[in-house]
Structure formats: C-alpha cells, structure tokens
C-alpha cells in the first residue's frame, strides 16, 4: 500500500503544482498580453481567482475519487497521505518555501476573499476545507464507456456488420 500512497502523493504534488504555476505564471502573463487596460486586467484577475478556486475544489474532489477508485486506498491511508503532504505546510521553513505555502493557500483563499472580503482564513481552516473536498471526492466515481478502452480496429468491428466491407 505504500506504493499506492506514494503514487497518490506524487499525483497530488504534480497536479497542485501545475495549478499553482498556471495561477501565478501563465494566466497573469496571458491577461497582461490580452488586456493592457489596468481596470480590465484587474477584473480578469478576479475572474481567474474565482475559476482557480472552483477548479481547486473540483481538483481535490477528483484526487479523493482517484485515491479510492484508482489507487484503492482506505480512508485512513487516504487521509494519512493528504495529511503528510499538506501537514508540512504548518512547519517552519526557509523563506523560499514560504512562498510556495502562500501560493498553495491562495488557490482557495483568493476566491474566498472576493466573496467574504472581511474574513481572513487561517492555514488550518483552508487545510480543513481542502480535506473536506478530498474526502467528499470518495463519493464520486467517473466511469467511461467500454468503447474508449478498445483499439481502433476493435471499435470498427463493433460498429460495422461482419459481412460489410
């Protein structure tokens, strides 16, 4: 099971890392190129924060679903893997690692700050919200139709009658 837990951990790190890179690098760059007007650029930044926040919730639900259905982890193993990765955010780290922690918190916190402007969320509250989304993801299982798993020749066999050429 350690193998499955480490695979889930790598998947979490990869997907969350890509989302952070998109939020802090790619999207602001594209907005600055497409919208040179500062007011319009700011508005698009707010919309991006909302989209990233909702995407973060969906992403954590998807990772929770993958933990159960793809990696076959028990709830204890799943929460342990989540806690091991995200619990490190509460330890004291050097300055450069603090920026990564703030970026991780900003995935959800930037969206919440738009809807609840007077409310500041702590790291523990954000951790709890994301853990809740992760656990909620265990309830979902996405299934694909059988034809997607077949090769092109097998799909054509199933569609065409055997006498037709």
C-alpha atoms as a PDB file:
ATOM      1  CA  UNK A   1       0.000   0.000   0.000  1.00  0.00           C
ATOM      2  CA  UNK A   2       2.947   2.358   0.483  1.00  0.00           C
ATOM      3  CA  UNK A   3       3.438   2.201  -3.280  1.00  0.00           C
ATOM      4  CA  UNK A   4      -0.151   3.347  -3.879  1.00  0.00           C
ATOM      5  CA  UNK A   5       0.153   6.078  -1.244  1.00  0.00           C
ATOM      6  CA  UNK A   6       3.358   7.384  -2.817  1.00  0.00           C
ATOM      7  CA  UNK A   7       1.722   7.377  -6.258  1.00  0.00           C
ATOM      8  CA  UNK A   8      -1.192   9.394  -4.883  1.00  0.00           C
ATOM      9  CA  UNK A   9       1.268  11.767  -3.216  1.00  0.00           C
ATOM     10  CA  UNK A  10       3.116  12.293  -6.496  1.00  0.00           C
ATOM     11  CA  UNK A  11      -0.191  12.856  -8.278  1.00  0.00           C
ATOM     12  CA  UNK A  12      -1.240  15.473  -5.707  1.00  0.00           C
ATOM     13  CA  UNK A  13       2.110  17.271  -5.913  1.00  0.00           C
ATOM     14  CA  UNK A  14       2.083  17.275  -9.703  1.00  0.00           C
ATOM     15  CA  UNK A  15      -1.492  18.438 -10.191  1.00  0.00           C
ATOM     16  CA  UNK A  16      -1.421  21.087  -7.447  1.00  0.00           C
ATOM     17  CA  UNK A  17       1.999  22.272  -8.654  1.00  0.00           C
ATOM     18  CA  UNK A  18       0.699  22.683 -12.190  1.00  0.00           C
ATOM     19  CA  UNK A  19      -2.340  24.582 -10.911  1.00  0.00           C
ATOM     20  CA  UNK A  20      -0.102  26.928  -8.886  1.00  0.00           C
ATOM     21  CA  UNK A  21       2.141  27.503 -11.922  1.00  0.00           C
ATOM     22  CA  UNK A  22      -0.884  28.318 -14.085  1.00  0.00           C
ATOM     23  CA  UNK A  23      -2.375  30.667 -11.492  1.00  0.00           C
ATOM     24  CA  UNK A  24       0.804  32.583 -10.711  1.00  0.00           C
ATOM     25  CA  UNK A  25       2.610  32.465 -14.031  1.00  0.00           C
ATOM     26  CA  UNK A  26       0.703  31.616 -17.152  1.00  0.00           C
ATOM     27  CA  UNK A  27      -2.685  33.246 -16.513  1.00  0.00           C
ATOM     28  CA  UNK A  28      -1.324  36.636 -15.333  1.00  0.00           C
ATOM     29  CA  UNK A  29       1.023  36.699 -18.329  1.00  0.00           C
ATOM     30  CA  UNK A  30      -1.810  35.986 -20.755  1.00  0.00           C
ATOM     31  CA  UNK A  31      -4.072  38.558 -19.079  1.00  0.00           C
ATOM     32  CA  UNK A  32      -1.354  41.205 -19.304  1.00  0.00           C
ATOM     33  CA  UNK A  33      -0.911  40.470 -23.005  1.00  0.00           C
ATOM     34  CA  UNK A  34      -4.614  40.357 -23.904  1.00  0.00           C
ATOM     35  CA  UNK A  35      -5.878  43.153 -21.634  1.00  0.00           C
ATOM     36  CA  UNK A  36      -3.440  46.088 -21.433  1.00  0.00           C
ATOM     37  CA  UNK A  37      -6.073  48.253 -19.699  1.00  0.00           C
ATOM     38  CA  UNK A  38      -5.341  48.013 -15.919  1.00  0.00           C
ATOM     39  CA  UNK A  39      -9.013  48.087 -14.902  1.00  0.00           C
ATOM     40  CA  UNK A  40      -9.964  45.329 -17.297  1.00  0.00           C
ATOM     41  CA  UNK A  41      -6.839  43.393 -16.369  1.00  0.00           C
ATOM     42  CA  UNK A  42      -7.782  43.593 -12.677  1.00  0.00           C
ATOM     43  CA  UNK A  43     -11.313  42.381 -13.404  1.00  0.00           C
ATOM     44  CA  UNK A  44      -9.965  39.425 -15.386  1.00  0.00           C
ATOM     45  CA  UNK A  45      -7.619  38.652 -12.474  1.00  0.00           C
ATOM     46  CA  UNK A  46     -10.644  38.426 -10.183  1.00  0.00           C
ATOM     47  CA  UNK A  47     -12.429  36.113 -12.602  1.00  0.00           C
ATOM     48  CA  UNK A  48      -9.296  33.981 -12.795  1.00  0.00           C
ATOM     49  CA  UNK A  49      -9.210  33.750  -8.987  1.00  0.00           C
ATOM     50  CA  UNK A  50     -12.812  32.520  -8.994  1.00  0.00           C
ATOM     51  CA  UNK A  51     -12.138  29.966 -11.723  1.00  0.00           C
ATOM     52  CA  UNK A  52      -8.983  28.722  -9.971  1.00  0.00           C
ATOM     53  CA  UNK A  53     -10.825  28.474  -6.627  1.00  0.00           C
ATOM     54  CA  UNK A  54     -13.655  26.418  -8.094  1.00  0.00           C
ATOM     55  CA  UNK A  55     -11.120  24.360 -10.049  1.00  0.00           C
ATOM     56  CA  UNK A  56      -9.194  23.704  -6.840  1.00  0.00           C
ATOM     57  CA  UNK A  57     -12.327  22.338  -5.164  1.00  0.00           C
ATOM     58  CA  UNK A  58     -13.057  20.107  -8.148  1.00  0.00           C
ATOM     59  CA  UNK A  59      -9.423  19.038  -8.329  1.00  0.00           C
ATOM     60  CA  UNK A  60      -9.357  17.939  -4.685  1.00  0.00           C
ATOM     61  CA  UNK A  61     -12.623  16.041  -5.138  1.00  0.00           C
ATOM     62  CA  UNK A  62     -11.103  14.343  -8.187  1.00  0.00           C
ATOM     63  CA  UNK A  63      -7.983  13.438  -6.222  1.00  0.00           C
ATOM     64  CA  UNK A  64     -10.169  11.972  -3.465  1.00  0.00           C
ATOM     65  CA  UNK A  65     -12.028   9.909  -6.039  1.00  0.00           C
ATOM     66  CA  UNK A  66      -8.743   8.741  -7.541  1.00  0.00           C
ATOM     67  CA  UNK A  67      -7.486   7.778  -4.089  1.00  0.00           C
ATOM     68  CA  UNK A  68     -10.416   5.419  -3.650  1.00  0.00           C
ATOM     69  CA  UNK A  69     -11.038   4.112  -7.142  1.00  0.00           C
ATOM     70  CA  UNK A  70      -7.682   4.293  -8.925  1.00  0.00           C
ATOM     71  CA  UNK A  71      -5.260   3.770  -6.038  1.00  0.00           C
ATOM     72  CA  UNK A  72      -7.581   1.599  -3.864  1.00  0.00           C
ATOM     73  CA  UNK A  73      -6.675   3.352  -0.621  1.00  0.00           C
ATOM     74  CA  UNK A  74      -8.660   3.023   2.575  1.00  0.00           C
ATOM     75  CA  UNK A  75      -9.995   6.233   4.159  1.00  0.00           C
ATOM     76  CA  UNK A  76      -7.218   6.116   6.778  1.00  0.00           C
ATOM     77  CA  UNK A  77      -4.480   5.724   4.170  1.00  0.00           C
ATOM     78  CA  UNK A  78      -6.007   8.445   2.037  1.00  0.00           C
ATOM     79  CA  UNK A  79      -6.255  10.947   4.908  1.00  0.00           C
ATOM     80  CA  UNK A  80      -2.750   9.965   6.038  1.00  0.00           C
ATOM     81  CA  UNK A  81      -1.300  10.716   2.613  1.00  0.00           C
ATOM     82  CA  UNK A  82      -3.164  14.023   2.460  1.00  0.00           C
ATOM     83  CA  UNK A  83      -2.047  14.950   5.976  1.00  0.00           C
ATOM     84  CA  UNK A  84       1.561  14.021   5.330  1.00  0.00           C
ATOM     85  CA  UNK A  85       1.763  16.218   2.244  1.00  0.00           C
ATOM     86  CA  UNK A  86      -0.301  19.149   3.442  1.00  0.00           C
ATOM     87  CA  UNK A  87       0.707  18.967   7.094  1.00  0.00           C
ATOM     88  CA  UNK A  88       4.208  20.008   6.145  1.00  0.00           C
ATOM     89  CA  UNK A  89       2.794  23.462   5.360  1.00  0.00           C
ATOM     90  CA  UNK A  90       2.498  24.128   9.087  1.00  0.00           C
ATOM     91  CA  UNK A  91       6.187  23.560   9.817  1.00  0.00           C
ATOM     92  CA  UNK A  92       8.730  26.408   9.811  1.00  0.00           C
ATOM     93  CA  UNK A  93      10.564  26.534   6.505  1.00  0.00           C
ATOM     94  CA  UNK A  94      13.043  28.818   4.775  1.00  0.00           C
ATOM     95  CA  UNK A  95      11.831  31.980   3.037  1.00  0.00           C
ATOM     96  CA  UNK A  96      11.635  30.472  -0.472  1.00  0.00           C
ATOM     97  CA  UNK A  97       9.412  27.639   0.725  1.00  0.00           C
ATOM     98  CA  UNK A  98       7.082  30.067   2.490  1.00  0.00           C
ATOM     99  CA  UNK A  99       6.183  31.475  -0.934  1.00  0.00           C
ATOM    100  CA  UNK A 100       5.072  28.010  -2.091  1.00  0.00           C
ATOM    101  CA  UNK A 101       2.915  27.689   1.018  1.00  0.00           C
ATOM    102  CA  UNK A 102       1.309  31.089   0.381  1.00  0.00           C
ATOM    103  CA  UNK A 103       0.709  30.077  -3.245  1.00  0.00           C
ATOM    104  CA  UNK A 104      -0.981  26.857  -2.108  1.00  0.00           C
ATOM    105  CA  UNK A 105      -3.181  28.797   0.309  1.00  0.00           C
ATOM    106  CA  UNK A 106      -4.015  31.325  -2.408  1.00  0.00           C
ATOM    107  CA  UNK A 107      -5.577  28.664  -4.624  1.00  0.00           C
ATOM    108  CA  UNK A 108      -8.707  28.693  -2.478  1.00  0.00           C
ATOM    109  CA  UNK A 109      -8.206  31.780  -0.318  1.00  0.00           C
ATOM    110  CA  UNK A 110      -8.106  34.257  -3.223  1.00  0.00           C
ATOM    111  CA  UNK A 111     -11.575  33.166  -4.334  1.00  0.00           C
ATOM    112  CA  UNK A 112     -12.976  33.213  -0.795  1.00  0.00           C
ATOM    113  CA  UNK A 113     -11.572  36.711  -0.218  1.00  0.00           C
ATOM    114  CA  UNK A 114     -13.669  38.005  -3.131  1.00  0.00           C
ATOM    115  CA  UNK A 115     -16.898  36.677  -1.618  1.00  0.00           C
ATOM    116  CA  UNK A 116     -16.044  37.263   2.059  1.00  0.00           C
ATOM    117  CA  UNK A 117     -13.875  40.399   1.996  1.00  0.00           C
ATOM    118  CA  UNK A 118     -13.723  40.942   5.770  1.00  0.00           C
ATOM    119  CA  UNK A 119     -12.851  37.330   6.585  1.00  0.00           C
ATOM    120  CA  UNK A 120      -9.279  36.034   6.732  1.00  0.00           C
ATOM    121  CA  UNK A 121      -8.917  32.264   6.644  1.00  0.00           C
ATOM    122  CA  UNK A 122      -6.115  30.579   8.552  1.00  0.00           C
ATOM    123  CA  UNK A 123      -3.968  27.773   7.201  1.00  0.00           C
ATOM    124  CA  UNK A 124      -5.840  25.296   9.389  1.00  0.00           C
ATOM    125  CA  UNK A 125      -9.222  26.395   8.023  1.00  0.00           C
ATOM    126  CA  UNK A 126      -8.014  26.101   4.424  1.00  0.00           C
ATOM    127  CA  UNK A 127      -6.489  22.707   5.258  1.00  0.00           C
ATOM    128  CA  UNK A 128      -9.858  21.583   6.661  1.00  0.00           C
ATOM    129  CA  UNK A 129     -11.797  22.829   3.639  1.00  0.00           C
ATOM    130  CA  UNK A 130      -9.486  21.056   1.196  1.00  0.00           C
ATOM    131  CA  UNK A 131      -9.514  17.897   3.312  1.00  0.00           C
ATOM    132  CA  UNK A 132     -13.313  18.021   3.241  1.00  0.00           C
ATOM    133  CA  UNK A 133     -13.280  18.283  -0.556  1.00  0.00           C
ATOM    134  CA  UNK A 134     -10.769  15.436  -0.709  1.00  0.00           C
ATOM    135  CA  UNK A 135     -12.949  13.187   1.472  1.00  0.00           C
ATOM    136  CA  UNK A 136     -16.092  14.210  -0.426  1.00  0.00           C
ATOM    137  CA  UNK A 137     -14.400  13.002  -3.607  1.00  0.00           C
ATOM    138  CA  UNK A 138     -14.609   9.412  -2.343  1.00  0.00           C
ATOM    139  CA  UNK A 139     -18.329   9.534  -3.087  1.00  0.00           C
ATOM    140  CA  UNK A 140     -17.782  10.082  -6.810  1.00  0.00           C
ATOM    141  CA  UNK A 141     -16.705   7.533  -9.380  1.00  0.00           C
ATOM    142  CA  UNK A 142     -16.428   8.526 -13.023  1.00  0.00           C
ATOM    143  CA  UNK A 143     -16.830   5.654 -15.448  1.00  0.00           C
ATOM    144  CA  UNK A 144     -16.125   5.643 -19.149  1.00  0.00           C
ATOM    145  CA  UNK A 145     -17.982   3.715 -21.789  1.00  0.00           C
ATOM    146  CA  UNK A 146     -16.417   0.460 -22.941  1.00  0.00           C
ATOM    147  CA  UNK A 147     -15.596   1.610 -26.474  1.00  0.00           C
ATOM    148  CA  UNK A 148     -12.944   4.058 -25.263  1.00  0.00           C
ATOM    149  CA  UNK A 149     -10.827   1.211 -23.948  1.00  0.00           C
ATOM    150  CA  UNK A 150     -10.849  -0.677 -27.224  1.00  0.00           C
ATOM    151  CA  UNK A 151      -8.411  -0.143 -30.059  1.00  0.00           C
ATOM    152  CA  UNK A 152      -9.460   1.429 -33.366  1.00  0.00           C
ATOM    153  CA  UNK A 153      -9.811  -1.940 -35.136  1.00  0.00           C
ATOM    154  CA  UNK A 154     -11.986  -3.344 -32.342  1.00  0.00           C
ATOM    155  CA  UNK A 155     -14.226  -0.240 -32.363  1.00  0.00           C
ATOM    156  CA  UNK A 156     -14.730  -0.570 -36.124  1.00  0.00           C
ATOM    157  CA  UNK A 157     -15.582  -4.271 -35.688  1.00  0.00           C
ATOM    158  CA  UNK A 158     -18.321  -3.446 -33.214  1.00  0.00           C
ATOM    159  CA  UNK A 159     -19.803  -0.686 -35.417  1.00  0.00           C
ATOM    160  CA  UNK A 160     -19.847  -2.479 -38.752  1.00  0.00           C
ATOM    161  CA  UNK A 161     -21.628  -5.762 -39.501  1.00  0.00           C
ATOM    162  CA  UNK A 162     -19.198  -8.600 -40.243  1.00  0.00           C
ATOM    163  CA  UNK A 163     -20.389  -9.010 -43.883  1.00  0.00           C
ATOM    164  CA  UNK A 164     -19.911  -5.342 -44.797  1.00  0.00           C
ATOM    165  CA  UNK A 165     -16.536  -4.141 -46.073  1.00  0.00           C
END
